[in-house]
Amino acid sequence: MINSTEAEKLAFTFLTHEWNVPSEDRDWFTVMASRTLGEDGYDVEIGIDGFPDRWIIEVYDNGKCEPYYEFNSPIRDSETNSDLEDLPDWIAQVLIAERKHR
């Protein structure tokens, strides 16, 4: 069984590789929390500091990540996106798309 630190690293690597995040932009993303799923693995929350949006990635006890991650945000797609102006454009576009897709 993996531990929470390993699960966090695996989830972070999964998300940044899934989106082909350039190495210079990876510092925008942070592991916010992880919760055990008992013997099954962990839920790992990844977000951007200062933003309420979260991607939740399930990491199984065998080290594999569930390819269908969950996205949570209290911000509705009908609300303004002015909070994104300081982010790199591609990250802002990802957040806009995720907020609309939910």
PDB file of N, CA and C in Angstrom:
ATOM      1  N   MET A   1       0.851  -1.187   0.000  1.00  0.00           N
ATOM      2  CA  MET A   1       0.000   0.000   0.000  1.00  0.00           C
ATOM      3  C   MET A   1       0.890   1.240   0.000  1.00  0.00           C
ATOM      4  N   ILE A   2       0.463   2.252  -0.721  1.00  0.00           N
ATOM      5  CA  ILE A   2       1.210   3.504  -0.771  1.00  0.00           C
ATOM      6  C   ILE A   2       0.816   4.386   0.413  1.00  0.00           C
ATOM      7  N   ASN A   3       1.667   5.375   0.727  1.00  0.00           N
ATOM      8  CA  ASN A   3       1.319   6.320   1.789  1.00  0.00           C
ATOM      9  C   ASN A   3       0.816   7.621   1.165  1.00  0.00           C
ATOM     10  N   SER A   4       0.395   8.562   2.006  1.00  0.00           N
ATOM     11  CA  SER A   4      -0.218   9.794   1.495  1.00  0.00           C
ATOM     12  C   SER A   4       0.765  10.637   0.689  1.00  0.00           C
ATOM     13  N   THR A   5       2.022  10.674   1.098  1.00  0.00           N
ATOM     14  CA  THR A   5       3.024  11.456   0.359  1.00  0.00           C
ATOM     15  C   THR A   5       3.213  10.899  -1.048  1.00  0.00           C
ATOM     16  N   GLU A   6       3.286   9.575  -1.160  1.00  0.00           N
ATOM     17  CA  GLU A   6       3.410   8.944  -2.477  1.00  0.00           C
ATOM     18  C   GLU A   6       2.168   9.212  -3.322  1.00  0.00           C
ATOM     19  N   ALA A   7       0.996   9.105  -2.710  1.00  0.00           N
ATOM     20  CA  ALA A   7      -0.257   9.355  -3.437  1.00  0.00           C
ATOM     21  C   ALA A   7      -0.301  10.785  -3.959  1.00  0.00           C
ATOM     22  N   GLU A   8       0.130  11.734  -3.151  1.00  0.00           N
ATOM     23  CA  GLU A   8       0.140  13.139  -3.570  1.00  0.00           C
ATOM     24  C   GLU A   8       1.077  13.349  -4.759  1.00  0.00           C
ATOM     25  N   LYS A   9       2.254  12.749  -4.708  1.00  0.00           N
ATOM     26  CA  LYS A   9       3.206  12.872  -5.823  1.00  0.00           C
ATOM     27  C   LYS A   9       2.644  12.239  -7.090  1.00  0.00           C
ATOM     28  N   LEU A  10       2.036  11.068  -6.947  1.00  0.00           N
ATOM     29  CA  LEU A  10       1.460  10.382  -8.110  1.00  0.00           C
ATOM     30  C   LEU A  10       0.328  11.190  -8.728  1.00  0.00           C
ATOM     31  N   ALA A  11      -0.544  11.747  -7.898  1.00  0.00           N
ATOM     32  CA  ALA A  11      -1.664  12.548  -8.405  1.00  0.00           C
ATOM     33  C   ALA A  11      -1.160  13.806  -9.099  1.00  0.00           C
ATOM     34  N   PHE A  12      -0.186  14.467  -8.500  1.00  0.00           N
ATOM     35  CA  PHE A  12       0.375  15.684  -9.086  1.00  0.00           C
ATOM     36  C   PHE A  12       1.009  15.375 -10.443  1.00  0.00           C
ATOM     37  N   THR A  13       1.790  14.310 -10.494  1.00  0.00           N
ATOM     38  CA  THR A  13       2.425  13.906 -11.752  1.00  0.00           C
ATOM     39  C   THR A  13       1.374  13.540 -12.793  1.00  0.00           C
ATOM     40  N   PHE A  14       0.349  12.805 -12.379  1.00  0.00           N
ATOM     41  CA  PHE A  14      -0.723  12.427 -13.300  1.00  0.00           C
ATOM     42  C   PHE A  14      -1.360  13.662 -13.922  1.00  0.00           C
ATOM     43  N   LEU A  15      -1.770  14.622 -13.082  1.00  0.00           N
ATOM     44  CA  LEU A  15      -2.474  15.799 -13.591  1.00  0.00           C
ATOM     45  C   LEU A  15      -1.576  16.644 -14.490  1.00  0.00           C
ATOM     46  N   THR A  16      -0.345  16.861 -14.085  1.00  0.00           N
ATOM     47  CA  THR A  16       0.542  17.708 -14.890  1.00  0.00           C
ATOM     48  C   THR A  16       0.942  17.028 -16.200  1.00  0.00           C
ATOM     49  N   HIS A  17       1.043  15.704 -16.202  1.00  0.00           N
ATOM     50  CA  HIS A  17       1.325  15.002 -17.459  1.00  0.00           C
ATOM     51  C   HIS A  17       0.085  14.930 -18.345  1.00  0.00           C
ATOM     52  N   GLU A  18      -1.070  14.731 -17.730  1.00  0.00           N
ATOM     53  CA  GLU A  18      -2.333  14.656 -18.478  1.00  0.00           C
ATOM     54  C   GLU A  18      -2.555  15.929 -19.296  1.00  0.00           C
ATOM     55  N   TRP A  19      -2.190  17.054 -18.720  1.00  0.00           N
ATOM     56  CA  TRP A  19      -2.381  18.351 -19.378  1.00  0.00           C
ATOM     57  C   TRP A  19      -1.126  18.862 -20.066  1.00  0.00           C
ATOM     58  N   ASN A  20      -0.047  18.088 -20.044  1.00  0.00           N
ATOM     59  CA  ASN A  20       1.229  18.528 -20.628  1.00  0.00           C
ATOM     60  C   ASN A  20       1.650  19.889 -20.074  1.00  0.00           C
ATOM     61  N   VAL A  21       1.593  20.017 -18.748  1.00  0.00           N
ATOM     62  CA  VAL A  21       1.950  21.272 -18.089  1.00  0.00           C
ATOM     63  C   VAL A  21       3.452  21.497 -18.233  1.00  0.00           C
ATOM     64  N   PRO A  22       3.843  22.631 -18.820  1.00  0.00           N
ATOM     65  CA  PRO A  22       5.275  22.932 -18.913  1.00  0.00           C
ATOM     66  C   PRO A  22       5.891  23.000 -17.519  1.00  0.00           C
ATOM     67  N   SER A  23       7.128  22.566 -17.388  1.00  0.00           N
ATOM     68  CA  SER A  23       7.771  22.535 -16.073  1.00  0.00           C
ATOM     69  C   SER A  23       7.775  23.901 -15.402  1.00  0.00           C
ATOM     70  N   GLU A  24       7.887  24.970 -16.180  1.00  0.00           N
ATOM     71  CA  GLU A  24       7.913  26.316 -15.592  1.00  0.00           C
ATOM     72  C   GLU A  24       6.550  26.741 -15.039  1.00  0.00           C
ATOM     73  N   ASP A  25       5.473  26.038 -15.396  1.00  0.00           N
ATOM     74  CA  ASP A  25       4.132  26.378 -14.906  1.00  0.00           C
ATOM     75  C   ASP A  25       3.643  25.440 -13.802  1.00  0.00           C
ATOM     76  N   ARG A  26       4.412  24.423 -13.470  1.00  0.00           N
ATOM     77  CA  ARG A  26       3.962  23.449 -12.461  1.00  0.00           C
ATOM     78  C   ARG A  26       3.851  24.049 -11.067  1.00  0.00           C
ATOM     79  N   ASP A  27       4.602  25.118 -10.811  1.00  0.00           N
ATOM     80  CA  ASP A  27       4.539  25.755  -9.492  1.00  0.00           C
ATOM     81  C   ASP A  27       3.196  26.422  -9.230  1.00  0.00           C
ATOM     82  N   TRP A  28       2.396  26.627 -10.254  1.00  0.00           N
ATOM     83  CA  TRP A  28       1.060  27.195 -10.060  1.00  0.00           C
ATOM     84  C   TRP A  28       0.148  26.214  -9.329  1.00  0.00           C
ATOM     85  N   PHE A  29       0.427  24.924  -9.465  1.00  0.00           N
ATOM     86  CA  PHE A  29      -0.425  23.878  -8.902  1.00  0.00           C
ATOM     87  C   PHE A  29       0.133  23.388  -7.567  1.00  0.00           C
ATOM     88  N   THR A  30      -0.778  23.111  -6.637  1.00  0.00           N
ATOM     89  CA  THR A  30      -0.394  22.699  -5.291  1.00  0.00           C
ATOM     90  C   THR A  30      -1.307  21.577  -4.813  1.00  0.00           C
ATOM     91  N   VAL A  31      -0.716  20.610  -4.130  1.00  0.00           N
ATOM     92  CA  VAL A  31      -1.535  19.606  -3.450  1.00  0.00           C
ATOM     93  C   VAL A  31      -2.119  20.288  -2.224  1.00  0.00           C
ATOM     94  N   MET A  32      -3.435  20.338  -2.151  1.00  0.00           N
ATOM     95  CA  MET A  32      -4.127  21.026  -1.060  1.00  0.00           C
ATOM     96  C   MET A  32      -4.446  20.090   0.103  1.00  0.00           C
ATOM     97  N   ALA A  33      -4.765  18.846  -0.211  1.00  0.00           N
ATOM     98  CA  ALA A  33      -5.140  17.890   0.835  1.00  0.00           C
ATOM     99  C   ALA A  33      -5.151  16.484   0.255  1.00  0.00           C
ATOM    100  N   SER A  34      -5.087  15.514   1.140  1.00  0.00           N
ATOM    101  CA  SER A  34      -5.308  14.125   0.732  1.00  0.00           C
ATOM    102  C   SER A  34      -6.071  13.426   1.852  1.00  0.00           C
ATOM    103  N   ARG A  35      -6.929  12.509   1.434  1.00  0.00           N
ATOM    104  CA  ARG A  35      -7.750  11.747   2.372  1.00  0.00           C
ATOM    105  C   ARG A  35      -7.641  10.265   2.036  1.00  0.00           C
ATOM    106  N   THR A  36      -7.512   9.477   3.070  1.00  0.00           N
ATOM    107  CA  THR A  36      -7.430   8.044   2.852  1.00  0.00           C
ATOM    108  C   THR A  36      -8.795   7.479   2.468  1.00  0.00           C
ATOM    109  N   LEU A  37      -8.760   6.499   1.615  1.00  0.00           N
ATOM    110  CA  LEU A  37      -9.965   5.747   1.240  1.00  0.00           C
ATOM    111  C   LEU A  37      -9.891   4.358   1.866  1.00  0.00           C
ATOM    112  N   GLY A  38      -9.294   4.294   3.034  1.00  0.00           N
ATOM    113  CA  GLY A  38      -9.089   3.006   3.692  1.00  0.00           C
ATOM    114  C   GLY A  38      -7.985   2.250   2.981  1.00  0.00           C
ATOM    115  N   GLU A  39      -8.218   0.996   2.728  1.00  0.00           N
ATOM    116  CA  GLU A  39      -7.216   0.171   2.059  1.00  0.00           C
ATOM    117  C   GLU A  39      -7.205   0.374   0.552  1.00  0.00           C
ATOM    118  N   ASP A  40      -8.148   1.146   0.030  1.00  0.00           N
ATOM    119  CA  ASP A  40      -8.259   1.324  -1.419  1.00  0.00           C
ATOM    120  C   ASP A  40      -7.316   2.369  -1.987  1.00  0.00           C
ATOM    121  N   GLY A  41      -6.853   3.319  -1.169  1.00  0.00           N
ATOM    122  CA  GLY A  41      -5.968   4.364  -1.676  1.00  0.00           C
ATOM    123  C   GLY A  41      -6.299   5.711  -1.075  1.00  0.00           C
ATOM    124  N   TYR A  42      -6.182   6.765  -1.905  1.00  0.00           N
ATOM    125  CA  TYR A  42      -6.348   8.138  -1.439  1.00  0.00           C
ATOM    126  C   TYR A  42      -7.090   8.984  -2.464  1.00  0.00           C
ATOM    127  N   ASP A  43      -7.809   9.980  -1.959  1.00  0.00           N
ATOM    128  CA  ASP A  43      -8.297  11.083  -2.772  1.00  0.00           C
ATOM    129  C   ASP A  43      -7.327  12.229  -2.546  1.00  0.00           C
ATOM    130  N   VAL A  44      -6.808  12.788  -3.622  1.00  0.00           N
ATOM    131  CA  VAL A  44      -5.852  13.887  -3.523  1.00  0.00           C
ATOM    132  C   VAL A  44      -6.459  15.113  -4.196  1.00  0.00           C
ATOM    133  N   GLU A  45      -6.495  16.224  -3.458  1.00  0.00           N
ATOM    134  CA  GLU A  45      -7.009  17.494  -3.983  1.00  0.00           C
ATOM    135  C   GLU A  45      -5.844  18.347  -4.458  1.00  0.00           C
ATOM    136  N   ILE A  46      -5.940  18.798  -5.696  1.00  0.00           N
ATOM    137  CA  ILE A  46      -4.933  19.684  -6.274  1.00  0.00           C
ATOM    138  C   ILE A  46      -5.628  20.967  -6.679  1.00  0.00           C
ATOM    139  N   GLY A  47      -4.993  22.072  -6.377  1.00  0.00           N
ATOM    140  CA  GLY A  47      -5.574  23.365  -6.709  1.00  0.00           C
ATOM    141  C   GLY A  47      -4.502  24.375  -7.046  1.00  0.00           C
ATOM    142  N   ILE A  48      -4.936  25.603  -7.174  1.00  0.00           N
ATOM    143  CA  ILE A  48      -4.048  26.732  -7.433  1.00  0.00           C
ATOM    144  C   ILE A  48      -4.178  27.649  -6.226  1.00  0.00           C
ATOM    145  N   ASP A  49      -3.051  27.974  -5.594  1.00  0.00           N
ATOM    146  CA  ASP A  49      -3.087  28.823  -4.399  1.00  0.00           C
ATOM    147  C   ASP A  49      -3.901  30.080  -4.646  1.00  0.00           C
ATOM    148  N   GLY A  50      -4.796  30.371  -3.715  1.00  0.00           N
ATOM    149  CA  GLY A  50      -5.619  31.572  -3.807  1.00  0.00           C
ATOM    150  C   GLY A  50      -6.917  31.386  -4.570  1.00  0.00           C
ATOM    151  N   PHE A  51      -7.142  30.192  -5.111  1.00  0.00           N
ATOM    152  CA  PHE A  51      -8.357  29.902  -5.877  1.00  0.00           C
ATOM    153  C   PHE A  51      -9.115  28.766  -5.200  1.00  0.00           C
ATOM    154  N   PRO A  52     -10.443  28.800  -5.241  1.00  0.00           N
ATOM    155  CA  PRO A  52     -11.231  27.763  -4.565  1.00  0.00           C
ATOM    156  C   PRO A  52     -11.416  26.486  -5.388  1.00  0.00           C
ATOM    157  N   ASP A  53     -11.005  26.505  -6.642  1.00  0.00           N
ATOM    158  CA  ASP A  53     -11.201  25.367  -7.545  1.00  0.00           C
ATOM    159  C   ASP A  53     -10.298  24.201  -7.131  1.00  0.00           C
ATOM    160  N   ARG A  54     -10.829  22.980  -7.239  1.00  0.00           N
ATOM    161  CA  ARG A  54     -10.066  21.788  -6.861  1.00  0.00           C
ATOM    162  C   ARG A  54     -10.302  20.657  -7.852  1.00  0.00           C
ATOM    163  N   TRP A  55      -9.216  19.967  -8.166  1.00  0.00           N
ATOM    164  CA  TRP A  55      -9.286  18.719  -8.914  1.00  0.00           C
ATOM    165  C   TRP A  55      -9.040  17.611  -7.908  1.00  0.00           C
ATOM    166  N   ILE A  56      -9.910  16.622  -7.893  1.00  0.00           N
ATOM    167  CA  ILE A  56      -9.765  15.500  -6.970  1.00  0.00           C
ATOM    168  C   ILE A  56      -9.420  14.267  -7.792  1.00  0.00           C
ATOM    169  N   ILE A  57      -8.270  13.713  -7.464  1.00  0.00           N
ATOM    170  CA  ILE A  57      -7.773  12.548  -8.191  1.00  0.00           C
ATOM    171  C   ILE A  57      -7.698  11.379  -7.225  1.00  0.00           C
ATOM    172  N   GLU A  58      -8.299  10.284  -7.613  1.00  0.00           N
ATOM    173  CA  GLU A  58      -8.245   9.077  -6.794  1.00  0.00           C
ATOM    174  C   GLU A  58      -6.998   8.292  -7.177  1.00  0.00           C
ATOM    175  N   VAL A  59      -6.195   7.982  -6.169  1.00  0.00           N
ATOM    176  CA  VAL A  59      -4.979   7.199  -6.368  1.00  0.00           C
ATOM    177  C   VAL A  59      -5.187   5.870  -5.647  1.00  0.00           C
ATOM    178  N   TYR A  60      -5.143   4.794  -6.407  1.00  0.00           N
ATOM    179  CA  TYR A  60      -5.374   3.470  -5.837  1.00  0.00           C
ATOM    180  C   TYR A  60      -4.151   2.981  -5.069  1.00  0.00           C
ATOM    181  N   ASP A  61      -4.362   1.988  -4.228  1.00  0.00           N
ATOM    182  CA  ASP A  61      -3.273   1.465  -3.404  1.00  0.00           C
ATOM    183  C   ASP A  61      -2.148   0.844  -4.230  1.00  0.00           C
ATOM    184  N   ASN A  62      -2.410   0.535  -5.498  1.00  0.00           N
ATOM    185  CA  ASN A  62      -1.365  -0.005  -6.372  1.00  0.00           C
ATOM    186  C   ASN A  62      -0.573   1.102  -7.080  1.00  0.00           C
ATOM    187  N   GLY A  63      -0.896   2.381  -6.777  1.00  0.00           N
ATOM    188  CA  GLY A  63      -0.162   3.503  -7.353  1.00  0.00           C
ATOM    189  C   GLY A  63      -0.744   4.046  -8.642  1.00  0.00           C
ATOM    190  N   LYS A  64      -1.794   3.439  -9.136  1.00  0.00           N
ATOM    191  CA  LYS A  64      -2.422   3.934 -10.369  1.00  0.00           C
ATOM    192  C   LYS A  64      -3.453   5.008 -10.034  1.00  0.00           C
ATOM    193  N   CYS A  65      -3.584   5.972 -10.948  1.00  0.00           N
ATOM    194  CA  CYS A  65      -4.551   7.055 -10.771  1.00  0.00           C
ATOM    195  C   CYS A  65      -5.791   6.790 -11.606  1.00  0.00           C
ATOM    196  N   GLU A  66      -6.936   7.065 -11.026  1.00  0.00           N
ATOM    197  CA  GLU A  66      -8.199   6.985 -11.752  1.00  0.00           C
ATOM    198  C   GLU A  66      -8.165   8.053 -12.840  1.00  0.00           C
ATOM    199  N   PRO A  67      -8.338   7.669 -14.120  1.00  0.00           N
ATOM    200  CA  PRO A  67      -8.229   8.658 -15.198  1.00  0.00           C
ATOM    201  C   PRO A  67      -9.368   9.672 -15.234  1.00  0.00           C
ATOM    202  N   TYR A  68     -10.460   9.394 -14.553  1.00  0.00           N
ATOM    203  CA  TYR A  68     -11.599  10.311 -14.554  1.00  0.00           C
ATOM    204  C   TYR A  68     -11.615  11.078 -13.240  1.00  0.00           C
ATOM    205  N   TYR A  69     -10.909  12.194 -13.235  1.00  0.00           N
ATOM    206  CA  TYR A  69     -10.837  13.005 -12.021  1.00  0.00           C
ATOM    207  C   TYR A  69     -12.109  13.828 -11.856  1.00  0.00           C
ATOM    208  N   GLU A  70     -12.295  14.345 -10.659  1.00  0.00           N
ATOM    209  CA  GLU A  70     -13.456  15.176 -10.330  1.00  0.00           C
ATOM    210  C   GLU A  70     -12.991  16.623 -10.198  1.00  0.00           C
ATOM    211  N   PHE A  71     -13.829  17.562 -10.601  1.00  0.00           N
ATOM    212  CA  PHE A  71     -13.534  18.984 -10.451  1.00  0.00           C
ATOM    213  C   PHE A  71     -14.614  19.623  -9.599  1.00  0.00           C
ATOM    214  N   ASN A  72     -14.196  20.396  -8.598  1.00  0.00           N
ATOM    215  CA  ASN A  72     -15.138  21.111  -7.735  1.00  0.00           C
ATOM    216  C   ASN A  72     -14.771  22.577  -7.676  1.00  0.00           C
ATOM    217  N   SER A  73     -15.786  23.425  -7.724  1.00  0.00           N
ATOM    218  CA  SER A  73     -15.581  24.863  -7.593  1.00  0.00           C
ATOM    219  C   SER A  73     -16.874  25.505  -7.120  1.00  0.00           C
ATOM    220  N   PRO A  74     -16.771  26.461  -6.199  1.00  0.00           N
ATOM    221  CA  PRO A  74     -17.972  27.195  -5.804  1.00  0.00           C
ATOM    222  C   PRO A  74     -18.346  28.272  -6.821  1.00  0.00           C
ATOM    223  N   ILE A  75     -17.470  28.499  -7.793  1.00  0.00           N
ATOM    224  CA  ILE A  75     -17.692  29.541  -8.795  1.00  0.00           C
ATOM    225  C   ILE A  75     -18.461  28.947  -9.969  1.00  0.00           C
ATOM    226  N   ARG A  76     -19.544  29.560 -10.325  1.00  0.00           N
ATOM    227  CA  ARG A  76     -20.372  29.114 -11.451  1.00  0.00           C
ATOM    228  C   ARG A  76     -19.853  29.727 -12.744  1.00  0.00           C
ATOM    229  N   ASP A  77     -20.087  29.044 -13.842  1.00  0.00           N
ATOM    230  CA  ASP A  77     -19.606  29.544 -15.134  1.00  0.00           C
ATOM    231  C   ASP A  77     -20.273  30.854 -15.528  1.00  0.00           C
ATOM    232  N   SER A  78     -21.400  31.172 -14.920  1.00  0.00           N
ATOM    233  CA  SER A  78     -22.085  32.428 -15.246  1.00  0.00           C
ATOM    234  C   SER A  78     -21.463  33.625 -14.517  1.00  0.00           C
ATOM    235  N   GLU A  79     -20.602  33.347 -13.539  1.00  0.00           N
ATOM    236  CA  GLU A  79     -19.947  34.418 -12.801  1.00  0.00           C
ATOM    237  C   GLU A  79     -18.753  34.938 -13.591  1.00  0.00           C
ATOM    238  N   THR A  80     -18.260  36.080 -13.193  1.00  0.00           N
ATOM    239  CA  THR A  80     -17.119  36.685 -13.863  1.00  0.00           C
ATOM    240  C   THR A  80     -15.860  35.839 -13.685  1.00  0.00           C
ATOM    241  N   ASN A  81     -14.966  35.934 -14.624  1.00  0.00           N
ATOM    242  CA  ASN A  81     -13.688  35.240 -14.538  1.00  0.00           C
ATOM    243  C   ASN A  81     -12.545  36.223 -14.307  1.00  0.00           C
ATOM    244  N   SER A  82     -12.862  37.383 -13.763  1.00  0.00           N
ATOM    245  CA  SER A  82     -11.829  38.398 -13.542  1.00  0.00           C
ATOM    246  C   SER A  82     -10.781  37.937 -12.536  1.00  0.00           C
ATOM    247  N   ASP A  83     -11.112  36.925 -11.739  1.00  0.00           N
ATOM    248  CA  ASP A  83     -10.141  36.409 -10.779  1.00  0.00           C
ATOM    249  C   ASP A  83      -8.984  35.681 -11.458  1.00  0.00           C
ATOM    250  N   LEU A  84      -9.099  35.419 -12.744  1.00  0.00           N
ATOM    251  CA  LEU A  84      -8.097  34.631 -13.466  1.00  0.00           C
ATOM    252  C   LEU A  84      -7.059  35.469 -14.198  1.00  0.00           C
ATOM    253  N   GLU A  85      -7.159  36.774 -14.127  1.00  0.00           N
ATOM    254  CA  GLU A  85      -6.322  37.638 -14.959  1.00  0.00           C
ATOM    255  C   GLU A  85      -4.826  37.537 -14.666  1.00  0.00           C
ATOM    256  N   ASP A  86      -4.435  37.119 -13.467  1.00  0.00           N
ATOM    257  CA  ASP A  86      -3.011  37.019 -13.141  1.00  0.00           C
ATOM    258  C   ASP A  86      -2.404  35.660 -13.480  1.00  0.00           C
ATOM    259  N   LEU A  87      -3.226  34.737 -13.928  1.00  0.00           N
ATOM    260  CA  LEU A  87      -2.749  33.397 -14.282  1.00  0.00           C
ATOM    261  C   LEU A  87      -2.236  33.371 -15.719  1.00  0.00           C
ATOM    262  N   PRO A  88      -1.330  32.435 -16.027  1.00  0.00           N
ATOM    263  CA  PRO A  88      -0.995  32.225 -17.438  1.00  0.00           C
ATOM    264  C   PRO A  88      -2.276  31.927 -18.210  1.00  0.00           C
ATOM    265  N   ASP A  89      -2.352  32.390 -19.431  1.00  0.00           N
ATOM    266  CA  ASP A  89      -3.581  32.284 -20.219  1.00  0.00           C
ATOM    267  C   ASP A  89      -4.094  30.855 -20.319  1.00  0.00           C
ATOM    268  N   TRP A  90      -3.225  29.896 -20.562  1.00  0.00           N
ATOM    269  CA  TRP A  90      -3.694  28.523 -20.750  1.00  0.00           C
ATOM    270  C   TRP A  90      -4.309  27.968 -19.465  1.00  0.00           C
ATOM    271  N   ILE A  91      -3.771  28.346 -18.284  1.00  0.00           N
ATOM    272  CA  ILE A  91      -4.349  27.884 -17.020  1.00  0.00           C
ATOM    273  C   ILE A  91      -5.713  28.531 -16.812  1.00  0.00           C
ATOM    274  N   ALA A  92      -5.823  29.812 -17.131  1.00  0.00           N
ATOM    275  CA  ALA A  92      -7.116  30.504 -17.034  1.00  0.00           C
ATOM    276  C   ALA A  92      -8.145  29.821 -17.928  1.00  0.00           C
ATOM    277  N   GLN A  93      -7.740  29.437 -19.134  1.00  0.00           N
ATOM    278  CA  GLN A  93      -8.663  28.771 -20.060  1.00  0.00           C
ATOM    279  C   GLN A  93      -9.102  27.404 -19.531  1.00  0.00           C
ATOM    280  N   VAL A  94      -8.187  26.680 -18.886  1.00  0.00           N
ATOM    281  CA  VAL A  94      -8.548  25.392 -18.281  1.00  0.00           C
ATOM    282  C   VAL A  94      -9.596  25.601 -17.198  1.00  0.00           C
ATOM    283  N   LEU A  95      -9.384  26.592 -16.340  1.00  0.00           N
ATOM    284  CA  LEU A  95     -10.350  26.861 -15.269  1.00  0.00           C
ATOM    285  C   LEU A  95     -11.710  27.281 -15.830  1.00  0.00           C
ATOM    286  N   ILE A  96     -11.706  28.121 -16.836  1.00  0.00           N
ATOM    287  CA  ILE A  96     -12.968  28.536 -17.463  1.00  0.00           C
ATOM    288  C   ILE A  96     -13.700  27.316 -18.027  1.00  0.00           C
ATOM    289  N   ALA A  97     -12.971  26.464 -18.733  1.00  0.00           N
ATOM    290  CA  ALA A  97     -13.581  25.266 -19.322  1.00  0.00           C
ATOM    291  C   ALA A  97     -14.106  24.322 -18.242  1.00  0.00           C
ATOM    292  N   GLU A  98     -13.324  24.113 -17.185  1.00  0.00           N
ATOM    293  CA  GLU A  98     -13.758  23.225 -16.103  1.00  0.00           C
ATOM    294  C   GLU A  98     -15.003  23.779 -15.415  1.00  0.00           C
ATOM    295  N   ARG A  99     -15.024  25.082 -15.174  1.00  0.00           N
ATOM    296  CA  ARG A  99     -16.178  25.698 -14.519  1.00  0.00           C
ATOM    297  C   ARG A  99     -17.432  25.561 -15.385  1.00  0.00           C
ATOM    298  N   LYS A 100     -17.278  25.652 -16.693  1.00  0.00           N
ATOM    299  CA  LYS A 100     -18.422  25.516 -17.603  1.00  0.00           C
ATOM    300  C   LYS A 100     -18.879  24.066 -17.723  1.00  0.00           C
ATOM    301  N   HIS A 101     -17.937  23.153 -17.669  1.00  0.00           N
ATOM    302  CA  HIS A 101     -18.218  21.741 -17.920  1.00  0.00           C
ATOM    303  C   HIS A 101     -19.000  21.072 -16.788  1.00  0.00           C
ATOM    304  N   ARG A 102     -18.870  21.558 -15.570  1.00  0.00           N
ATOM    305  CA  ARG A 102     -19.512  20.881 -14.437  1.00  0.00           C
ATOM    306  C   ARG A 102     -20.993  20.841 -14.584  1.00  0.00           C
TER     307      ARG A 102
END
